[in-house]
Amino acid sequence: EKQTDLARRAAREFDSIPLRKQVR
C-alpha cells in the first residue's frame, strides 16, 4: 500500500500524461 501511495503521489507532480504514467 505504501509503494502504491508513493507512486501515485510522485506521479501527480508531473503534468504530461506519458511522463506521469512512466513515473507511476
PDB file of all heavy atoms in Angstrom:
ATOM      1  N   GLU A   1       0.827  -1.212   0.000  1.00  0.00           N
ATOM      2  CA  GLU A   1       0.000   0.000   0.000  1.00  0.00           C
ATOM      3  C   GLU A   1       0.857   1.256   0.000  1.00  0.00           C
ATOM      4  O   GLU A   1       0.527   2.243  -0.670  1.00  0.00           O
ATOM      5  CB  GLU A   1      -0.930  -0.014   1.213  1.00  0.00           C
ATOM      6  CG  GLU A   1      -2.020  -1.084   1.138  1.00  0.00           C
ATOM      7  CD  GLU A   1      -2.857  -1.135   2.401  1.00  0.00           C
ATOM      8  OE1 GLU A   1      -2.586  -0.321   3.326  1.00  0.00           O
ATOM      9  OE2 GLU A   1      -3.771  -1.983   2.464  1.00  0.00           O
ATOM     10  N   LYS A   2       1.952   1.232   0.748  1.00  0.00           N
ATOM     11  CA  LYS A   2       2.836   2.395   0.801  1.00  0.00           C
ATOM     12  C   LYS A   2       3.477   2.637  -0.555  1.00  0.00           C
ATOM     13  O   LYS A   2       3.604   3.793  -1.003  1.00  0.00           O
ATOM     14  CB  LYS A   2       3.922   2.174   1.862  1.00  0.00           C
ATOM     15  CG  LYS A   2       4.802   3.394   2.106  1.00  0.00           C
ATOM     16  CD  LYS A   2       4.004   4.526   2.727  1.00  0.00           C
ATOM     17  CE  LYS A   2       4.907   5.670   3.102  1.00  0.00           C
ATOM     18  NZ  LYS A   2       4.144   6.817   3.673  1.00  0.00           N
ATOM     19  N   GLN A   3       3.901   1.581  -1.237  1.00  0.00           N
ATOM     20  CA  GLN A   3       4.526   1.744  -2.547  1.00  0.00           C
ATOM     21  C   GLN A   3       3.531   2.310  -3.555  1.00  0.00           C
ATOM     22  O   GLN A   3       3.867   3.193  -4.350  1.00  0.00           O
ATOM     23  CB  GLN A   3       5.080   0.402  -3.036  1.00  0.00           C
ATOM     24  CG  GLN A   3       5.936   0.528  -4.292  1.00  0.00           C
ATOM     25  CD  GLN A   3       6.890  -0.642  -4.456  1.00  0.00           C
ATOM     26  OE1 GLN A   3       6.928  -1.548  -3.636  1.00  0.00           O
ATOM     27  NE2 GLN A   3       7.669  -0.626  -5.513  1.00  0.00           N
ATOM     28  N   THR A   4       2.294   1.839  -3.509  1.00  0.00           N
ATOM     29  CA  THR A   4       1.254   2.376  -4.392  1.00  0.00           C
ATOM     30  C   THR A   4       1.003   3.848  -4.100  1.00  0.00           C
ATOM     31  O   THR A   4       0.858   4.665  -5.018  1.00  0.00           O
ATOM     32  CB  THR A   4      -0.053   1.578  -4.223  1.00  0.00           C
ATOM     33  OG1 THR A   4       0.169   0.216  -4.615  1.00  0.00           O
ATOM     34  CG2 THR A   4      -1.166   2.167  -5.070  1.00  0.00           C
ATOM     35  N   ASP A   5       0.976   4.197  -2.826  1.00  0.00           N
ATOM     36  CA  ASP A   5       0.742   5.595  -2.437  1.00  0.00           C
ATOM     37  C   ASP A   5       1.896   6.486  -2.902  1.00  0.00           C
ATOM     38  O   ASP A   5       1.657   7.590  -3.418  1.00  0.00           O
ATOM     39  CB  ASP A   5       0.578   5.683  -0.922  1.00  0.00           C
ATOM     40  CG  ASP A   5       0.364   7.110  -0.452  1.00  0.00           C
ATOM     41  OD1 ASP A   5      -0.632   7.734  -0.871  1.00  0.00           O
ATOM     42  OD2 ASP A   5       1.199   7.622   0.323  1.00  0.00           O
ATOM     43  N   LEU A   6       3.131   6.021  -2.736  1.00  0.00           N
ATOM     44  CA  LEU A   6       4.287   6.800  -3.184  1.00  0.00           C
ATOM     45  C   LEU A   6       4.257   6.999  -4.699  1.00  0.00           C
ATOM     46  O   LEU A   6       4.585   8.081  -5.201  1.00  0.00           O
ATOM     47  CB  LEU A   6       5.586   6.101  -2.771  1.00  0.00           C
ATOM     48  CG  LEU A   6       5.923   6.111  -1.282  1.00  0.00           C
ATOM     49  CD1 LEU A   6       7.115   5.206  -1.006  1.00  0.00           C
ATOM     50  CD2 LEU A   6       6.206   7.525  -0.786  1.00  0.00           C
ATOM     51  N   ALA A   7       3.857   5.958  -5.428  1.00  0.00           N
ATOM     52  CA  ALA A   7       3.785   6.049  -6.888  1.00  0.00           C
ATOM     53  C   ALA A   7       2.745   7.081  -7.316  1.00  0.00           C
ATOM     54  O   ALA A   7       2.994   7.904  -8.211  1.00  0.00           O
ATOM     55  CB  ALA A   7       3.455   4.677  -7.474  1.00  0.00           C
ATOM     56  N   ARG A   8       1.599   7.056  -6.680  1.00  0.00           N
ATOM     57  CA  ARG A   8       0.540   7.998  -7.035  1.00  0.00           C
ATOM     58  C   ARG A   8       0.937   9.430  -6.713  1.00  0.00           C
ATOM     59  O   ARG A   8       0.721  10.348  -7.503  1.00  0.00           O
ATOM     60  CB  ARG A   8      -0.746   7.631  -6.286  1.00  0.00           C
ATOM     61  CG  ARG A   8      -1.414   6.350  -6.802  1.00  0.00           C
ATOM     62  CD  ARG A   8      -2.564   5.975  -5.908  1.00  0.00           C
ATOM     63  NE  ARG A   8      -3.261   4.772  -6.399  1.00  0.00           N
ATOM     64  CZ  ARG A   8      -4.149   4.092  -5.699  1.00  0.00           C
ATOM     65  NH1 ARG A   8      -4.461   4.482  -4.464  1.00  0.00           N
ATOM     66  NH2 ARG A   8      -4.733   3.015  -6.213  1.00  0.00           N
ATOM     67  N   ARG A   9       1.522   9.631  -5.529  1.00  0.00           N
ATOM     68  CA  ARG A   9       1.888  10.990  -5.127  1.00  0.00           C
ATOM     69  C   ARG A   9       2.984  11.559  -6.020  1.00  0.00           C
ATOM     70  O   ARG A   9       2.949  12.739  -6.383  1.00  0.00           O
ATOM     71  CB  ARG A   9       2.346  10.999  -3.666  1.00  0.00           C
ATOM     72  CG  ARG A   9       1.193  10.956  -2.675  1.00  0.00           C
ATOM     73  CD  ARG A   9       1.671  11.289  -1.284  1.00  0.00           C
ATOM     74  NE  ARG A   9       2.402  10.187  -0.686  1.00  0.00           N
ATOM     75  CZ  ARG A   9       3.423  10.336   0.151  1.00  0.00           C
ATOM     76  NH1 ARG A   9       3.877  11.528   0.443  1.00  0.00           N
ATOM     77  NH2 ARG A   9       4.011   9.280   0.679  1.00  0.00           N
ATOM     78  N   ALA A  10       3.960  10.740  -6.373  1.00  0.00           N
ATOM     79  CA  ALA A  10       5.040  11.208  -7.233  1.00  0.00           C
ATOM     80  C   ALA A  10       4.516  11.547  -8.627  1.00  0.00           C
ATOM     81  O   ALA A  10       4.910  12.556  -9.228  1.00  0.00           O
ATOM     82  CB  ALA A  10       6.141  10.152  -7.323  1.00  0.00           C
ATOM     83  N   ALA A  11       3.633  10.711  -9.141  1.00  0.00           N
ATOM     84  CA  ALA A  11       3.101  10.926 -10.488  1.00  0.00           C
ATOM     85  C   ALA A  11       2.315  12.229 -10.577  1.00  0.00           C
ATOM     86  O   ALA A  11       2.335  12.911 -11.617  1.00  0.00           O
ATOM     87  CB  ALA A  11       2.215   9.748 -10.891  1.00  0.00           C
ATOM     88  N   ARG A  12       1.638  12.591  -9.501  1.00  0.00           N
ATOM     89  CA  ARG A  12       0.828  13.811  -9.519  1.00  0.00           C
ATOM     90  C   ARG A  12       1.662  15.083  -9.646  1.00  0.00           C
ATOM     91  O   ARG A  12       1.122  16.153  -9.944  1.00  0.00           O
ATOM     92  CB  ARG A  12      -0.040  13.890  -8.257  1.00  0.00           C
ATOM     93  CG  ARG A  12      -1.233  12.941  -8.264  1.00  0.00           C
ATOM     94  CD  ARG A  12      -2.278  13.371  -7.250  1.00  0.00           C
ATOM     95  NE  ARG A  12      -1.774  13.284  -5.884  1.00  0.00           N
ATOM     96  CZ  ARG A  12      -1.963  12.226  -5.087  1.00  0.00           C
ATOM     97  NH1 ARG A  12      -2.628  11.174  -5.533  1.00  0.00           N
ATOM     98  NH2 ARG A  12      -1.500  12.231  -3.848  1.00  0.00           N
ATOM     99  N   GLU A  13       2.975  14.973  -9.443  1.00  0.00           N
ATOM    100  CA  GLU A  13       3.849  16.138  -9.549  1.00  0.00           C
ATOM    101  C   GLU A  13       4.119  16.520 -11.010  1.00  0.00           C
ATOM    102  O   GLU A  13       4.695  17.583 -11.266  1.00  0.00           O
ATOM    103  CB  GLU A  13       5.179  15.864  -8.847  1.00  0.00           C
ATOM    104  CG  GLU A  13       5.054  15.627  -7.352  1.00  0.00           C
ATOM    105  CD  GLU A  13       4.508  16.844  -6.610  1.00  0.00           C
ATOM    106  OE1 GLU A  13       4.943  17.961  -6.916  1.00  0.00           O
ATOM    107  OE2 GLU A  13       3.624  16.657  -5.744  1.00  0.00           O
ATOM    108  N   PHE A  14       3.725  15.673 -11.947  1.00  0.00           N
ATOM    109  CA  PHE A  14       4.017  15.906 -13.360  1.00  0.00           C
ATOM    110  C   PHE A  14       2.735  16.195 -14.132  1.00  0.00           C
ATOM    111  O   PHE A  14       1.668  15.675 -13.825  1.00  0.00           O
ATOM    112  CB  PHE A  14       4.742  14.696 -13.955  1.00  0.00           C
ATOM    113  CG  PHE A  14       6.078  14.440 -13.312  1.00  0.00           C
ATOM    114  CD1 PHE A  14       6.198  13.574 -12.238  1.00  0.00           C
ATOM    115  CD2 PHE A  14       7.208  15.106 -13.769  1.00  0.00           C
ATOM    116  CE1 PHE A  14       7.426  13.356 -11.626  1.00  0.00           C
ATOM    117  CE2 PHE A  14       8.431  14.888 -13.168  1.00  0.00           C
ATOM    118  CZ  PHE A  14       8.543  14.021 -12.093  1.00  0.00           C
ATOM    119  N   ASP A  15       2.862  17.038 -15.162  1.00  0.00           N
ATOM    120  CA  ASP A  15       1.708  17.461 -15.954  1.00  0.00           C
ATOM    121  C   ASP A  15       1.449  16.573 -17.163  1.00  0.00           C
ATOM    122  O   ASP A  15       0.307  16.294 -17.503  1.00  0.00           O
ATOM    123  CB  ASP A  15       1.904  18.906 -16.435  1.00  0.00           C
ATOM    124  CG  ASP A  15       1.941  19.888 -15.277  1.00  0.00           C
ATOM    125  OD1 ASP A  15       1.223  19.674 -14.289  1.00  0.00           O
ATOM    126  OD2 ASP A  15       2.714  20.861 -15.360  1.00  0.00           O
ATOM    127  N   SER A  16       2.525  16.151 -17.839  1.00  0.00           N
ATOM    128  CA  SER A  16       2.367  15.384 -19.076  1.00  0.00           C
ATOM    129  C   SER A  16       1.965  13.942 -18.765  1.00  0.00           C
ATOM    130  O   SER A  16       2.538  13.291 -17.889  1.00  0.00           O
ATOM    131  CB  SER A  16       3.657  15.404 -19.893  1.00  0.00           C
ATOM    132  OG  SER A  16       4.736  14.921 -19.124  1.00  0.00           O
ATOM    133  N   ILE A  17       0.993  13.454 -19.505  1.00  0.00           N
ATOM    134  CA  ILE A  17       0.437  12.127 -19.219  1.00  0.00           C
ATOM    135  C   ILE A  17       1.463  11.001 -19.415  1.00  0.00           C
ATOM    136  O   ILE A  17       1.578  10.119 -18.563  1.00  0.00           O
ATOM    137  CB  ILE A  17      -0.813  11.881 -20.090  1.00  0.00           C
ATOM    138  CG1 ILE A  17      -1.920  12.850 -19.665  1.00  0.00           C
ATOM    139  CG2 ILE A  17      -1.294  10.435 -19.962  1.00  0.00           C
ATOM    140  CD1 ILE A  17      -3.163  12.798 -20.528  1.00  0.00           C
ATOM    141  N   PRO A  18       2.253  10.986 -20.515  1.00  0.00           N
ATOM    142  CA  PRO A  18       3.215   9.884 -20.678  1.00  0.00           C
ATOM    143  C   PRO A  18       4.246   9.824 -19.546  1.00  0.00           C
ATOM    144  O   PRO A  18       4.574   8.737 -19.061  1.00  0.00           O
ATOM    145  CB  PRO A  18       3.876  10.194 -22.023  1.00  0.00           C
ATOM    146  CG  PRO A  18       2.869  11.011 -22.760  1.00  0.00           C
ATOM    147  CD  PRO A  18       2.215  11.847 -21.712  1.00  0.00           C
ATOM    148  N   LEU A  19       4.745  11.001 -19.108  1.00  0.00           N
ATOM    149  CA  LEU A  19       5.722  11.013 -18.026  1.00  0.00           C
ATOM    150  C   LEU A  19       5.073  10.618 -16.711  1.00  0.00           C
ATOM    151  O   LEU A  19       5.659   9.870 -15.911  1.00  0.00           O
ATOM    152  CB  LEU A  19       6.363  12.394 -17.918  1.00  0.00           C
ATOM    153  CG  LEU A  19       7.422  12.563 -16.809  1.00  0.00           C
ATOM    154  CD1 LEU A  19       8.532  11.526 -16.950  1.00  0.00           C
ATOM    155  CD2 LEU A  19       8.001  13.975 -16.845  1.00  0.00           C
ATOM    156  N   ARG A  20       3.877  11.108 -16.472  1.00  0.00           N
ATOM    157  CA  ARG A  20       3.167  10.756 -15.245  1.00  0.00           C
ATOM    158  C   ARG A  20       2.981   9.245 -15.146  1.00  0.00           C
ATOM    159  O   ARG A  20       3.195   8.642 -14.090  1.00  0.00           O
ATOM    160  CB  ARG A  20       1.812  11.457 -15.232  1.00  0.00           C
ATOM    161  CG  ARG A  20       1.065  11.360 -13.910  1.00  0.00           C
ATOM    162  CD  ARG A  20      -0.330  11.957 -14.046  1.00  0.00           C
ATOM    163  NE  ARG A  20      -0.295  13.320 -14.562  1.00  0.00           N
ATOM    164  CZ  ARG A  20      -1.337  13.941 -15.064  1.00  0.00           C
ATOM    165  NH1 ARG A  20      -2.499  13.314 -15.159  1.00  0.00           N
ATOM    166  NH2 ARG A  20      -1.233  15.183 -15.488  1.00  0.00           N
ATOM    167  N   LYS A  21       2.585   8.624 -16.252  1.00  0.00           N
ATOM    168  CA  LYS A  21       2.380   7.170 -16.261  1.00  0.00           C
ATOM    169  C   LYS A  21       3.699   6.422 -16.062  1.00  0.00           C
ATOM    170  O   LYS A  21       3.754   5.429 -15.333  1.00  0.00           O
ATOM    171  CB  LYS A  21       1.733   6.738 -17.576  1.00  0.00           C
ATOM    172  CG  LYS A  21       1.418   5.246 -17.657  1.00  0.00           C
ATOM    173  CD  LYS A  21       0.763   4.889 -18.964  1.00  0.00           C
ATOM    174  CE  LYS A  21       0.349   3.416 -18.984  1.00  0.00           C
ATOM    175  NZ  LYS A  21       1.495   2.506 -18.767  1.00  0.00           N
ATOM    176  N   GLN A  22       4.763   6.898 -16.696  1.00  0.00           N
ATOM    177  CA  GLN A  22       6.060   6.238 -16.559  1.00  0.00           C
ATOM    178  C   GLN A  22       6.551   6.290 -15.117  1.00  0.00           C
ATOM    179  O   GLN A  22       7.052   5.295 -14.572  1.00  0.00           O
ATOM    180  CB  GLN A  22       7.087   6.903 -17.480  1.00  0.00           C
ATOM    181  CG  GLN A  22       8.414   6.152 -17.590  1.00  0.00           C
ATOM    182  CD  GLN A  22       8.278   4.860 -18.368  1.00  0.00           C
ATOM    183  OE1 GLN A  22       7.657   4.821 -19.420  1.00  0.00           O
ATOM    184  NE2 GLN A  22       8.857   3.792 -17.849  1.00  0.00           N
ATOM    185  N   VAL A  23       6.415   7.452 -14.489  1.00  0.00           N
ATOM    186  CA  VAL A  23       6.831   7.598 -13.094  1.00  0.00           C
ATOM    187  C   VAL A  23       6.016   6.682 -12.188  1.00  0.00           C
ATOM    188  O   VAL A  23       6.563   5.971 -11.340  1.00  0.00           O
ATOM    189  CB  VAL A  23       6.696   9.077 -12.651  1.00  0.00           C
ATOM    190  CG1 VAL A  23       6.829   9.199 -11.132  1.00  0.00           C
ATOM    191  CG2 VAL A  23       7.744   9.940 -13.340  1.00  0.00           C
ATOM    192  N   ARG A  24       4.699   6.696 -12.366  1.00  0.00           N
ATOM    193  CA  ARG A  24       3.837   5.869 -11.524  1.00  0.00           C
ATOM    194  C   ARG A  24       4.177   4.385 -11.673  1.00  0.00           C
ATOM    195  O   ARG A  24       4.338   3.664 -10.680  1.00  0.00           O
ATOM    196  CB  ARG A  24       2.370   6.110 -11.873  1.00  0.00           C
ATOM    197  CG  ARG A  24       1.401   5.353 -10.943  1.00  0.00           C
ATOM    198  CD  ARG A  24      -0.045   5.477 -11.399  1.00  0.00           C
ATOM    199  NE  ARG A  24      -0.254   4.822 -12.681  1.00  0.00           N
ATOM    200  CZ  ARG A  24      -0.685   5.444 -13.780  1.00  0.00           C
ATOM    201  NH1 ARG A  24      -0.943   6.732 -13.759  1.00  0.00           N
ATOM    202  NH2 ARG A  24      -0.858   4.768 -14.899  1.00  0.00           N
TER     203      ARG A  24
END
